[in-house]
mmCIF file of all heavy atoms, coordinates in Angstrom:
data_MODEL
# 
_entry.id   MODEL 
# 
loop_
_atom_site.group_PDB 
_atom_site.id 
_atom_site.type_symbol 
_atom_site.label_atom_id 
_atom_site.label_alt_id 
_atom_site.label_comp_id 
_atom_site.label_asym_id 
_atom_site.label_entity_id 
_atom_site.label_seq_id 
_atom_site.pdbx_PDB_ins_code 
_atom_site.Cartn_x 
_atom_site.Cartn_y 
_atom_site.Cartn_z 
_atom_site.occupancy 
_atom_site.B_iso_or_equiv 
_atom_site.pdbx_formal_charge 
_atom_site.auth_seq_id 
_atom_site.auth_comp_id 
_atom_site.auth_asym_id 
_atom_site.auth_atom_id 
_atom_site.pdbx_PDB_model_num 
ATOM 1   N N   . THR A 1 1  ? 0.855  -1.176  0.000   1.00 0.00 ? 1  THR A N   1 
ATOM 2   C CA  . THR A 1 1  ? 0.000  0.000   0.000   1.00 0.00 ? 1  THR A CA  1 
ATOM 3   C C   . THR A 1 1  ? 0.894  1.230   0.000   1.00 0.00 ? 1  THR A C   1 
ATOM 4   O O   . THR A 1 1  ? 1.926  1.246   0.674   1.00 0.00 ? 1  THR A O   1 
ATOM 5   C CB  . THR A 1 1  ? -0.916 0.023   1.232   1.00 0.00 ? 1  THR A CB  1 
ATOM 6   O OG1 . THR A 1 1  ? -1.712 -1.159  1.264   1.00 0.00 ? 1  THR A OG1 1 
ATOM 7   C CG2 . THR A 1 1  ? -1.838 1.236   1.204   1.00 0.00 ? 1  THR A CG2 1 
ATOM 8   N N   . TYR A 1 2  ? 0.503  2.270   -0.743  1.00 0.00 ? 2  TYR A N   1 
ATOM 9   C CA  . TYR A 1 2  ? 1.306  3.480   -0.855  1.00 0.00 ? 2  TYR A CA  1 
ATOM 10  C C   . TYR A 1 2  ? 0.457  4.719   -0.637  1.00 0.00 ? 2  TYR A C   1 
ATOM 11  O O   . TYR A 1 2  ? -0.725 4.759   -0.995  1.00 0.00 ? 2  TYR A O   1 
ATOM 12  C CB  . TYR A 1 2  ? 1.952  3.589   -2.239  1.00 0.00 ? 2  TYR A CB  1 
ATOM 13  C CG  . TYR A 1 2  ? 2.921  2.486   -2.555  1.00 0.00 ? 2  TYR A CG  1 
ATOM 14  C CD1 . TYR A 1 2  ? 2.512  1.350   -3.237  1.00 0.00 ? 2  TYR A CD1 1 
ATOM 15  C CD2 . TYR A 1 2  ? 4.254  2.588   -2.164  1.00 0.00 ? 2  TYR A CD2 1 
ATOM 16  C CE1 . TYR A 1 2  ? 3.402  0.334   -3.524  1.00 0.00 ? 2  TYR A CE1 1 
ATOM 17  C CE2 . TYR A 1 2  ? 5.149  1.569   -2.449  1.00 0.00 ? 2  TYR A CE2 1 
ATOM 18  C CZ  . TYR A 1 2  ? 4.723  0.450   -3.127  1.00 0.00 ? 2  TYR A CZ  1 
ATOM 19  O OH  . TYR A 1 2  ? 5.612  -0.559  -3.409  1.00 0.00 ? 2  TYR A OH  1 
ATOM 20  N N   . ALA A 1 3  ? 1.079  5.753   -0.079  1.00 0.00 ? 3  ALA A N   1 
ATOM 21  C CA  . ALA A 1 3  ? 0.466  7.062   -0.072  1.00 0.00 ? 3  ALA A CA  1 
ATOM 22  C C   . ALA A 1 3  ? 0.336  7.571   -1.501  1.00 0.00 ? 3  ALA A C   1 
ATOM 23  O O   . ALA A 1 3  ? 1.182  7.289   -2.351  1.00 0.00 ? 3  ALA A O   1 
ATOM 24  C CB  . ALA A 1 3  ? 1.306  8.039   0.753   1.00 0.00 ? 3  ALA A CB  1 
ATOM 25  N N   . ASP A 1 4  ? -0.727 8.327   -1.764  1.00 0.00 ? 4  ASP A N   1 
ATOM 26  C CA  . ASP A 1 4  ? -0.945 8.828   -3.114  1.00 0.00 ? 4  ASP A CA  1 
ATOM 27  C C   . ASP A 1 4  ? 0.240  9.637   -3.632  1.00 0.00 ? 4  ASP A C   1 
ATOM 28  O O   . ASP A 1 4  ? 0.561  9.592   -4.826  1.00 0.00 ? 4  ASP A O   1 
ATOM 29  C CB  . ASP A 1 4  ? -2.206 9.686   -3.162  1.00 0.00 ? 4  ASP A CB  1 
ATOM 30  C CG  . ASP A 1 4  ? -3.480 8.874   -3.044  1.00 0.00 ? 4  ASP A CG  1 
ATOM 31  O OD1 . ASP A 1 4  ? -3.428 7.647   -3.267  1.00 0.00 ? 4  ASP A OD1 1 
ATOM 32  O OD2 . ASP A 1 4  ? -4.526 9.465   -2.738  1.00 0.00 ? 4  ASP A OD2 1 
ATOM 33  N N   . SER A 1 5  ? 0.906  10.356  -2.753  1.00 0.00 ? 5  SER A N   1 
ATOM 34  C CA  . SER A 1 5  ? 1.980  11.246  -3.163  1.00 0.00 ? 5  SER A CA  1 
ATOM 35  C C   . SER A 1 5  ? 3.220  10.515  -3.674  1.00 0.00 ? 5  SER A C   1 
ATOM 36  O O   . SER A 1 5  ? 4.061  11.126  -4.338  1.00 0.00 ? 5  SER A O   1 
ATOM 37  C CB  . SER A 1 5  ? 2.376  12.164  -2.007  1.00 0.00 ? 5  SER A CB  1 
ATOM 38  O OG  . SER A 1 5  ? 2.833  11.408  -0.905  1.00 0.00 ? 5  SER A OG  1 
ATOM 39  N N   . VAL A 1 6  ? 3.356  9.213   -3.377  1.00 0.00 ? 6  VAL A N   1 
ATOM 40  C CA  . VAL A 1 6  ? 4.557  8.477   -3.776  1.00 0.00 ? 6  VAL A CA  1 
ATOM 41  C C   . VAL A 1 6  ? 4.264  7.353   -4.753  1.00 0.00 ? 6  VAL A C   1 
ATOM 42  O O   . VAL A 1 6  ? 5.209  6.686   -5.211  1.00 0.00 ? 6  VAL A O   1 
ATOM 43  C CB  . VAL A 1 6  ? 5.315  7.918   -2.558  1.00 0.00 ? 6  VAL A CB  1 
ATOM 44  C CG1 . VAL A 1 6  ? 5.597  9.020   -1.543  1.00 0.00 ? 6  VAL A CG1 1 
ATOM 45  C CG2 . VAL A 1 6  ? 4.549  6.767   -1.912  1.00 0.00 ? 6  VAL A CG2 1 
ATOM 46  N N   . LYS A 1 7  ? 3.017  7.128   -5.105  1.00 0.00 ? 7  LYS A N   1 
ATOM 47  C CA  . LYS A 1 7  ? 2.681  6.061   -6.042  1.00 0.00 ? 7  LYS A CA  1 
ATOM 48  C C   . LYS A 1 7  ? 3.390  6.276   -7.373  1.00 0.00 ? 7  LYS A C   1 
ATOM 49  O O   . LYS A 1 7  ? 3.385  7.369   -7.925  1.00 0.00 ? 7  LYS A O   1 
ATOM 50  C CB  . LYS A 1 7  ? 1.171  5.994   -6.258  1.00 0.00 ? 7  LYS A CB  1 
ATOM 51  C CG  . LYS A 1 7  ? 0.408  5.415   -5.089  1.00 0.00 ? 7  LYS A CG  1 
ATOM 52  C CD  . LYS A 1 7  ? -1.087 5.357   -5.380  1.00 0.00 ? 7  LYS A CD  1 
ATOM 53  C CE  . LYS A 1 7  ? -1.842 4.746   -4.215  1.00 0.00 ? 7  LYS A CE  1 
ATOM 54  N NZ  . LYS A 1 7  ? -3.308 4.740   -4.451  1.00 0.00 ? 7  LYS A NZ  1 
ATOM 55  N N   . GLY A 1 8  ? 3.990  5.216   -7.876  1.00 0.00 ? 8  GLY A N   1 
ATOM 56  C CA  . GLY A 1 8  ? 4.737  5.289   -9.119  1.00 0.00 ? 8  GLY A CA  1 
ATOM 57  C C   . GLY A 1 8  ? 6.172  5.732   -8.961  1.00 0.00 ? 8  GLY A C   1 
ATOM 58  O O   . GLY A 1 8  ? 6.941  5.641   -9.924  1.00 0.00 ? 8  GLY A O   1 
ATOM 59  N N   . ARG A 1 9  ? 6.549  6.220   -7.786  1.00 0.00 ? 9  ARG A N   1 
ATOM 60  C CA  . ARG A 1 9  ? 7.916  6.677   -7.547  1.00 0.00 ? 9  ARG A CA  1 
ATOM 61  C C   . ARG A 1 9  ? 8.652  5.815   -6.523  1.00 0.00 ? 9  ARG A C   1 
ATOM 62  O O   . ARG A 1 9  ? 9.856  5.597   -6.656  1.00 0.00 ? 9  ARG A O   1 
ATOM 63  C CB  . ARG A 1 9  ? 7.924  8.127   -7.071  1.00 0.00 ? 9  ARG A CB  1 
ATOM 64  C CG  . ARG A 1 9  ? 7.319  9.104   -8.072  1.00 0.00 ? 9  ARG A CG  1 
ATOM 65  C CD  . ARG A 1 9  ? 7.566  10.547  -7.661  1.00 0.00 ? 9  ARG A CD  1 
ATOM 66  N NE  . ARG A 1 9  ? 6.940  10.873  -6.377  1.00 0.00 ? 9  ARG A NE  1 
ATOM 67  C CZ  . ARG A 1 9  ? 7.591  11.320  -5.313  1.00 0.00 ? 9  ARG A CZ  1 
ATOM 68  N NH1 . ARG A 1 9  ? 8.912  11.502  -5.367  1.00 0.00 ? 9  ARG A NH1 1 
ATOM 69  N NH2 . ARG A 1 9  ? 6.945  11.602  -4.198  1.00 0.00 ? 9  ARG A NH2 1 
ATOM 70  N N   . PHE A 1 10 ? 7.948  5.372   -5.483  1.00 0.00 ? 10 PHE A N   1 
ATOM 71  C CA  . PHE A 1 10 ? 8.559  4.586   -4.411  1.00 0.00 ? 10 PHE A CA  1 
ATOM 72  C C   . PHE A 1 10 ? 8.085  3.142   -4.490  1.00 0.00 ? 10 PHE A C   1 
ATOM 73  O O   . PHE A 1 10 ? 6.946  2.864   -4.889  1.00 0.00 ? 10 PHE A O   1 
ATOM 74  C CB  . PHE A 1 10 ? 8.181  5.140   -3.034  1.00 0.00 ? 10 PHE A CB  1 
ATOM 75  C CG  . PHE A 1 10 ? 8.733  6.501   -2.702  1.00 0.00 ? 10 PHE A CG  1 
ATOM 76  C CD1 . PHE A 1 10 ? 9.438  7.250   -3.626  1.00 0.00 ? 10 PHE A CD1 1 
ATOM 77  C CD2 . PHE A 1 10 ? 8.533  7.022   -1.436  1.00 0.00 ? 10 PHE A CD2 1 
ATOM 78  C CE1 . PHE A 1 10 ? 9.936  8.506   -3.313  1.00 0.00 ? 10 PHE A CE1 1 
ATOM 79  C CE2 . PHE A 1 10 ? 9.024  8.275   -1.103  1.00 0.00 ? 10 PHE A CE2 1 
ATOM 80  C CZ  . PHE A 1 10 ? 9.725  9.011   -2.036  1.00 0.00 ? 10 PHE A CZ  1 
ATOM 81  N N   . THR A 1 11 ? 8.943  2.217   -4.071  1.00 0.00 ? 11 THR A N   1 
ATOM 82  C CA  . THR A 1 11 ? 8.600  0.808   -4.010  1.00 0.00 ? 11 THR A CA  1 
ATOM 83  C C   . THR A 1 11 ? 9.064  0.229   -2.682  1.00 0.00 ? 11 THR A C   1 
ATOM 84  O O   . THR A 1 11 ? 10.235 0.359   -2.323  1.00 0.00 ? 11 THR A O   1 
ATOM 85  C CB  . THR A 1 11 ? 9.240  0.019   -5.156  1.00 0.00 ? 11 THR A CB  1 
ATOM 86  O OG1 . THR A 1 11 ? 8.836  0.568   -6.417  1.00 0.00 ? 11 THR A OG1 1 
ATOM 87  C CG2 . THR A 1 11 ? 8.820  -1.448  -5.094  1.00 0.00 ? 11 THR A CG2 1 
ATOM 88  N N   . ILE A 1 12 ? 8.152  -0.409  -1.957  1.00 0.00 ? 12 ILE A N   1 
ATOM 89  C CA  . ILE A 1 12 ? 8.502  -1.090  -0.721  1.00 0.00 ? 12 ILE A CA  1 
ATOM 90  C C   . ILE A 1 12 ? 8.638  -2.584  -1.003  1.00 0.00 ? 12 ILE A C   1 
ATOM 91  O O   . ILE A 1 12 ? 7.869  -3.152  -1.784  1.00 0.00 ? 12 ILE A O   1 
ATOM 92  C CB  . ILE A 1 12 ? 7.464  -0.823  0.384   1.00 0.00 ? 12 ILE A CB  1 
ATOM 93  C CG1 . ILE A 1 12 ? 7.937  -1.377  1.733   1.00 0.00 ? 12 ILE A CG1 1 
ATOM 94  C CG2 . ILE A 1 12 ? 6.095  -1.368  0.012   1.00 0.00 ? 12 ILE A CG2 1 
ATOM 95  C CD1 . ILE A 1 12 ? 7.062  -0.961  2.912   1.00 0.00 ? 12 ILE A CD1 1 
ATOM 96  N N   . SER A 1 13 ? 9.626  -3.219  -0.387  1.00 0.00 ? 13 SER A N   1 
ATOM 97  C CA  . SER A 1 13 ? 9.829  -4.650  -0.529  1.00 0.00 ? 13 SER A CA  1 
ATOM 98  C C   . SER A 1 13 ? 10.407 -5.199  0.766   1.00 0.00 ? 13 SER A C   1 
ATOM 99  O O   . SER A 1 13 ? 10.858 -4.440  1.627   1.00 0.00 ? 13 SER A O   1 
ATOM 100 C CB  . SER A 1 13 ? 10.752 -4.966  -1.715  1.00 0.00 ? 13 SER A CB  1 
ATOM 101 O OG  . SER A 1 13 ? 12.031 -4.382  -1.533  1.00 0.00 ? 13 SER A OG  1 
ATOM 102 N N   . ARG A 1 14 ? 10.396 -6.523  0.907   1.00 0.00 ? 14 ARG A N   1 
ATOM 103 C CA  . ARG A 1 14 ? 10.942 -7.123  2.123   1.00 0.00 ? 14 ARG A CA  1 
ATOM 104 C C   . ARG A 1 14 ? 11.680 -8.408  1.799   1.00 0.00 ? 14 ARG A C   1 
ATOM 105 O O   . ARG A 1 14 ? 11.354 -9.115  0.841   1.00 0.00 ? 14 ARG A O   1 
ATOM 106 C CB  . ARG A 1 14 ? 9.838  -7.378  3.163   1.00 0.00 ? 14 ARG A CB  1 
ATOM 107 C CG  . ARG A 1 14 ? 8.768  -8.364  2.735   1.00 0.00 ? 14 ARG A CG  1 
ATOM 108 C CD  . ARG A 1 14 ? 7.588  -8.379  3.708   1.00 0.00 ? 14 ARG A CD  1 
ATOM 109 N NE  . ARG A 1 14 ? 7.953  -8.935  5.007   1.00 0.00 ? 14 ARG A NE  1 
ATOM 110 C CZ  . ARG A 1 14 ? 7.163  -8.937  6.079   1.00 0.00 ? 14 ARG A CZ  1 
ATOM 111 N NH1 . ARG A 1 14 ? 5.954  -8.372  6.007   1.00 0.00 ? 14 ARG A NH1 1 
ATOM 112 N NH2 . ARG A 1 14 ? 7.572  -9.473  7.218   1.00 0.00 ? 14 ARG A NH2 1 
ATOM 113 N N   . ASP A 1 15 ? 12.678 -8.691  2.615   1.00 0.00 ? 15 ASP A N   1 
ATOM 114 C CA  . ASP A 1 15 ? 13.446 -9.924  2.543   1.00 0.00 ? 15 ASP A CA  1 
ATOM 115 C C   . ASP A 1 15 ? 13.222 -10.631 3.873   1.00 0.00 ? 15 ASP A C   1 
ATOM 116 O O   . ASP A 1 15 ? 13.822 -10.275 4.886   1.00 0.00 ? 15 ASP A O   1 
ATOM 117 C CB  . ASP A 1 15 ? 14.924 -9.631  2.312   1.00 0.00 ? 15 ASP A CB  1 
ATOM 118 C CG  . ASP A 1 15 ? 15.755 -10.884 2.121   1.00 0.00 ? 15 ASP A CG  1 
ATOM 119 O OD1 . ASP A 1 15 ? 15.343 -11.963 2.561   1.00 0.00 ? 15 ASP A OD1 1 
ATOM 120 O OD2 . ASP A 1 15 ? 16.851 -10.781 1.517   1.00 0.00 ? 15 ASP A OD2 1 
ATOM 121 N N   . ASN A 1 16 ? 12.340 -11.611 3.875   1.00 0.00 ? 16 ASN A N   1 
ATOM 122 C CA  . ASN A 1 16 ? 11.961 -12.265 5.124   1.00 0.00 ? 16 ASN A CA  1 
ATOM 123 C C   . ASN A 1 16 ? 13.127 -13.017 5.766   1.00 0.00 ? 16 ASN A C   1 
ATOM 124 O O   . ASN A 1 16 ? 13.204 -13.114 6.993   1.00 0.00 ? 16 ASN A O   1 
ATOM 125 C CB  . ASN A 1 16 ? 10.794 -13.216 4.881   1.00 0.00 ? 16 ASN A CB  1 
ATOM 126 C CG  . ASN A 1 16 ? 9.513  -12.489 4.548   1.00 0.00 ? 16 ASN A CG  1 
ATOM 127 O OD1 . ASN A 1 16 ? 9.305  -11.343 4.952   1.00 0.00 ? 16 ASN A OD1 1 
ATOM 128 N ND2 . ASN A 1 16 ? 8.626  -13.150 3.810   1.00 0.00 ? 16 ASN A ND2 1 
ATOM 129 N N   . ALA A 1 17 ? 14.032 -13.548 4.957   1.00 0.00 ? 17 ALA A N   1 
ATOM 130 C CA  . ALA A 1 17 ? 15.176 -14.267 5.497   1.00 0.00 ? 17 ALA A CA  1 
ATOM 131 C C   . ALA A 1 17 ? 16.095 -13.355 6.291   1.00 0.00 ? 17 ALA A C   1 
ATOM 132 O O   . ALA A 1 17 ? 16.811 -13.813 7.189   1.00 0.00 ? 17 ALA A O   1 
ATOM 133 C CB  . ALA A 1 17 ? 15.950 -14.952 4.375   1.00 0.00 ? 17 ALA A CB  1 
ATOM 134 N N   . LYS A 1 18 ? 16.100 -12.064 5.967   1.00 0.00 ? 18 LYS A N   1 
ATOM 135 C CA  . LYS A 1 18 ? 16.955 -11.096 6.645   1.00 0.00 ? 18 LYS A CA  1 
ATOM 136 C C   . LYS A 1 18 ? 16.189 -10.189 7.597   1.00 0.00 ? 18 LYS A C   1 
ATOM 137 O O   . LYS A 1 18 ? 16.792 -9.294  8.197   1.00 0.00 ? 18 LYS A O   1 
ATOM 138 C CB  . LYS A 1 18 ? 17.688 -10.236 5.619   1.00 0.00 ? 18 LYS A CB  1 
ATOM 139 C CG  . LYS A 1 18 ? 18.632 -11.007 4.717   1.00 0.00 ? 18 LYS A CG  1 
ATOM 140 C CD  . LYS A 1 18 ? 19.331 -10.077 3.741   1.00 0.00 ? 18 LYS A CD  1 
ATOM 141 C CE  . LYS A 1 18 ? 20.302 -10.841 2.855   1.00 0.00 ? 18 LYS A CE  1 
ATOM 142 N NZ  . LYS A 1 18 ? 20.983 -9.950  1.891   1.00 0.00 ? 18 LYS A NZ  1 
ATOM 143 N N   . ASN A 1 19 ? 14.881 -10.398 7.738   1.00 0.00 ? 19 ASN A N   1 
ATOM 144 C CA  . ASN A 1 19 ? 14.031 -9.521  8.551   1.00 0.00 ? 19 ASN A CA  1 
ATOM 145 C C   . ASN A 1 19 ? 14.249 -8.053  8.186   1.00 0.00 ? 19 ASN A C   1 
ATOM 146 O O   . ASN A 1 19 ? 14.372 -7.191  9.057   1.00 0.00 ? 19 ASN A O   1 
ATOM 147 C CB  . ASN A 1 19 ? 14.291 -9.742  10.045  1.00 0.00 ? 19 ASN A CB  1 
ATOM 148 C CG  . ASN A 1 19 ? 13.695 -11.039 10.559  1.00 0.00 ? 19 ASN A CG  1 
ATOM 149 O OD1 . ASN A 1 19 ? 12.696 -11.533 10.031  1.00 0.00 ? 19 ASN A OD1 1 
ATOM 150 N ND2 . ASN A 1 19 ? 14.295 -11.586 11.598  1.00 0.00 ? 19 ASN A ND2 1 
ATOM 151 N N   . THR A 1 20 ? 14.279 -7.794  6.900   1.00 0.00 ? 20 THR A N   1 
ATOM 152 C CA  . THR A 1 20 ? 14.613 -6.473  6.398   1.00 0.00 ? 20 THR A CA  1 
ATOM 153 C C   . THR A 1 20 ? 13.547 -5.977  5.433   1.00 0.00 ? 20 THR A C   1 
ATOM 154 O O   . THR A 1 20 ? 13.021 -6.745  4.623   1.00 0.00 ? 20 THR A O   1 
ATOM 155 C CB  . THR A 1 20 ? 15.981 -6.496  5.699   1.00 0.00 ? 20 THR A CB  1 
ATOM 156 O OG1 . THR A 1 20 ? 16.989 -6.882  6.637   1.00 0.00 ? 20 THR A OG1 1 
ATOM 157 C CG2 . THR A 1 20 ? 16.337 -5.124  5.141   1.00 0.00 ? 20 THR A CG2 1 
ATOM 158 N N   . VAL A 1 21 ? 13.245 -4.690  5.518   1.00 0.00 ? 21 VAL A N   1 
ATOM 159 C CA  . VAL A 1 21 ? 12.354 -4.030  4.580   1.00 0.00 ? 21 VAL A CA  1 
ATOM 160 C C   . VAL A 1 21 ? 13.128 -2.908  3.901   1.00 0.00 ? 21 VAL A C   1 
ATOM 161 O O   . VAL A 1 21 ? 13.994 -2.275  4.513   1.00 0.00 ? 21 VAL A O   1 
ATOM 162 C CB  . VAL A 1 21 ? 11.077 -3.500  5.278   1.00 0.00 ? 21 VAL A CB  1 
ATOM 163 C CG1 . VAL A 1 21 ? 11.409 -2.422  6.302   1.00 0.00 ? 21 VAL A CG1 1 
ATOM 164 C CG2 . VAL A 1 21 ? 10.068 -2.987  4.259   1.00 0.00 ? 21 VAL A CG2 1 
ATOM 165 N N   . TYR A 1 22 ? 12.807 -2.673  2.634   1.00 0.00 ? 22 TYR A N   1 
ATOM 166 C CA  . TYR A 1 22 ? 13.480 -1.656  1.840   1.00 0.00 ? 22 TYR A CA  1 
ATOM 167 C C   . TYR A 1 22 ? 12.463 -0.654  1.311   1.00 0.00 ? 22 TYR A C   1 
ATOM 168 O O   . TYR A 1 22 ? 11.294 -0.972  1.107   1.00 0.00 ? 22 TYR A O   1 
ATOM 169 C CB  . TYR A 1 22 ? 14.208 -2.280  0.651   1.00 0.00 ? 22 TYR A CB  1 
ATOM 170 C CG  . TYR A 1 22 ? 15.185 -3.362  1.022   1.00 0.00 ? 22 TYR A CG  1 
ATOM 171 C CD1 . TYR A 1 22 ? 14.809 -4.700  1.005   1.00 0.00 ? 22 TYR A CD1 1 
ATOM 172 C CD2 . TYR A 1 22 ? 16.493 -3.043  1.392   1.00 0.00 ? 22 TYR A CD2 1 
ATOM 173 C CE1 . TYR A 1 22 ? 15.702 -5.697  1.341   1.00 0.00 ? 22 TYR A CE1 1 
ATOM 174 C CE2 . TYR A 1 22 ? 17.393 -4.040  1.733   1.00 0.00 ? 22 TYR A CE2 1 
ATOM 175 C CZ  . TYR A 1 22 ? 16.994 -5.361  1.704   1.00 0.00 ? 22 TYR A CZ  1 
ATOM 176 O OH  . TYR A 1 22 ? 17.889 -6.353  2.040   1.00 0.00 ? 22 TYR A OH  1 
ATOM 177 N N   . LEU A 1 23 ? 12.933 0.553   1.059   1.00 0.00 ? 23 LEU A N   1 
ATOM 178 C CA  . LEU A 1 23 ? 12.147 1.548   0.357   1.00 0.00 ? 23 LEU A CA  1 
ATOM 179 C C   . LEU A 1 23 ? 13.006 2.124   -0.757  1.00 0.00 ? 23 LEU A C   1 
ATOM 180 O O   . LEU A 1 23 ? 13.955 2.864   -0.490  1.00 0.00 ? 23 LEU A O   1 
ATOM 181 C CB  . LEU A 1 23 ? 11.674 2.662   1.295   1.00 0.00 ? 23 LEU A CB  1 
ATOM 182 C CG  . LEU A 1 23 ? 10.724 3.679   0.663   1.00 0.00 ? 23 LEU A CG  1 
ATOM 183 C CD1 . LEU A 1 23 ? 9.382  3.022   0.322   1.00 0.00 ? 23 LEU A CD1 1 
ATOM 184 C CD2 . LEU A 1 23 ? 10.508 4.880   1.577   1.00 0.00 ? 23 LEU A CD2 1 
ATOM 185 N N   . GLN A 1 24 ? 12.696 1.751   -1.992  1.00 0.00 ? 24 GLN A N   1 
ATOM 186 C CA  . GLN A 1 24 ? 13.364 2.313   -3.155  1.00 0.00 ? 24 GLN A CA  1 
ATOM 187 C C   . GLN A 1 24 ? 12.662 3.610   -3.523  1.00 0.00 ? 24 GLN A C   1 
ATOM 188 O O   . GLN A 1 24 ? 11.467 3.603   -3.818  1.00 0.00 ? 24 GLN A O   1 
ATOM 189 C CB  . GLN A 1 24 ? 13.330 1.336   -4.331  1.00 0.00 ? 24 GLN A CB  1 
ATOM 190 C CG  . GLN A 1 24 ? 13.987 1.854   -5.602  1.00 0.00 ? 24 GLN A CG  1 
ATOM 191 C CD  . GLN A 1 24 ? 15.473 2.058   -5.445  1.00 0.00 ? 24 GLN A CD  1 
ATOM 192 O OE1 . GLN A 1 24 ? 16.169 1.191   -4.935  1.00 0.00 ? 24 GLN A OE1 1 
ATOM 193 N NE2 . GLN A 1 24 ? 15.968 3.219   -5.871  1.00 0.00 ? 24 GLN A NE2 1 
ATOM 194 N N   . MET A 1 25 ? 13.400 4.709   -3.505  1.00 0.00 ? 25 MET A N   1 
ATOM 195 C CA  . MET A 1 25 ? 12.843 6.035   -3.711  1.00 0.00 ? 25 MET A CA  1 
ATOM 196 C C   . MET A 1 25 ? 13.430 6.608   -4.998  1.00 0.00 ? 25 MET A C   1 
ATOM 197 O O   . MET A 1 25 ? 14.623 6.903   -5.067  1.00 0.00 ? 25 MET A O   1 
ATOM 198 C CB  . MET A 1 25 ? 13.169 6.949   -2.529  1.00 0.00 ? 25 MET A CB  1 
ATOM 199 C CG  . MET A 1 25 ? 12.824 6.334   -1.168  1.00 0.00 ? 25 MET A CG  1 
ATOM 200 S SD  . MET A 1 25 ? 13.529 7.248   0.233   1.00 0.00 ? 25 MET A SD  1 
ATOM 201 C CE  . MET A 1 25 ? 12.499 8.713   0.219   1.00 0.00 ? 25 MET A CE  1 
ATOM 202 N N   . ASN A 1 26 ? 12.589 6.758   -6.015  1.00 0.00 ? 26 ASN A N   1 
ATOM 203 C CA  . ASN A 1 26 ? 13.001 7.302   -7.299  1.00 0.00 ? 26 ASN A CA  1 
ATOM 204 C C   . ASN A 1 26 ? 12.298 8.626   -7.562  1.00 0.00 ? 26 ASN A C   1 
ATOM 205 O O   . ASN A 1 26 ? 11.284 8.937   -6.950  1.00 0.00 ? 26 ASN A O   1 
ATOM 206 C CB  . ASN A 1 26 ? 12.681 6.322   -8.432  1.00 0.00 ? 26 ASN A CB  1 
ATOM 207 C CG  . ASN A 1 26 ? 13.413 5.008   -8.318  1.00 0.00 ? 26 ASN A CG  1 
ATOM 208 O OD1 . ASN A 1 26 ? 14.548 4.956   -7.837  1.00 0.00 ? 26 ASN A OD1 1 
ATOM 209 N ND2 . ASN A 1 26 ? 12.783 3.933   -8.773  1.00 0.00 ? 26 ASN A ND2 1 
ATOM 210 N N   . SER A 1 27 ? 12.842 9.387   -8.506  1.00 0.00 ? 27 SER A N   1 
ATOM 211 C CA  . SER A 1 27 ? 12.261 10.674  -8.896  1.00 0.00 ? 27 SER A CA  1 
ATOM 212 C C   . SER A 1 27 ? 11.977 11.546  -7.683  1.00 0.00 ? 27 SER A C   1 
ATOM 213 O O   . SER A 1 27 ? 10.895 12.122  -7.537  1.00 0.00 ? 27 SER A O   1 
ATOM 214 C CB  . SER A 1 27 ? 10.987 10.450  -9.716  1.00 0.00 ? 27 SER A CB  1 
ATOM 215 O OG  . SER A 1 27 ? 11.243 9.694   -10.878 1.00 0.00 ? 27 SER A OG  1 
ATOM 216 N N   . LEU A 1 28 ? 12.958 11.657  -6.814  1.00 0.00 ? 28 LEU A N   1 
ATOM 217 C CA  . LEU A 1 28 ? 12.768 12.380  -5.558  1.00 0.00 ? 28 LEU A CA  1 
ATOM 218 C C   . LEU A 1 28 ? 12.527 13.869  -5.799  1.00 0.00 ? 28 LEU A C   1 
ATOM 219 O O   . LEU A 1 28 ? 13.100 14.466  -6.709  1.00 0.00 ? 28 LEU A O   1 
ATOM 220 C CB  . LEU A 1 28 ? 13.967 12.172  -4.651  1.00 0.00 ? 28 LEU A CB  1 
ATOM 221 C CG  . LEU A 1 28 ? 13.992 10.806  -3.952  1.00 0.00 ? 28 LEU A CG  1 
ATOM 222 C CD1 . LEU A 1 28 ? 15.387 10.464  -3.458  1.00 0.00 ? 28 LEU A CD1 1 
ATOM 223 C CD2 . LEU A 1 28 ? 12.997 10.804  -2.791  1.00 0.00 ? 28 LEU A CD2 1 
ATOM 224 N N   . GLU A 1 29 ? 11.678 14.433  -4.967  1.00 0.00 ? 29 GLU A N   1 
ATOM 225 C CA  . GLU A 1 29 ? 11.287 15.828  -5.035  1.00 0.00 ? 29 GLU A CA  1 
ATOM 226 C C   . GLU A 1 29 ? 11.638 16.525  -3.725  1.00 0.00 ? 29 GLU A C   1 
ATOM 227 O O   . GLU A 1 29 ? 11.725 15.876  -2.678  1.00 0.00 ? 29 GLU A O   1 
ATOM 228 C CB  . GLU A 1 29 ? 9.782  15.943  -5.288  1.00 0.00 ? 29 GLU A CB  1 
ATOM 229 C CG  . GLU A 1 29 ? 9.310  15.206  -6.527  1.00 0.00 ? 29 GLU A CG  1 
ATOM 230 C CD  . GLU A 1 29 ? 7.806  15.087  -6.605  1.00 0.00 ? 29 GLU A CD  1 
ATOM 231 O OE1 . GLU A 1 29 ? 7.120  15.438  -5.628  1.00 0.00 ? 29 GLU A OE1 1 
ATOM 232 O OE2 . GLU A 1 29 ? 7.306  14.654  -7.665  1.00 0.00 ? 29 GLU A OE2 1 
# 
């Protein structure tokens, strides 16, 4: 789920084996 302001620019993902979550932030303003 994403906030409207970041849809199409940010991507959240997770690596369960590492208990880690990422936020890829593109086209930053």
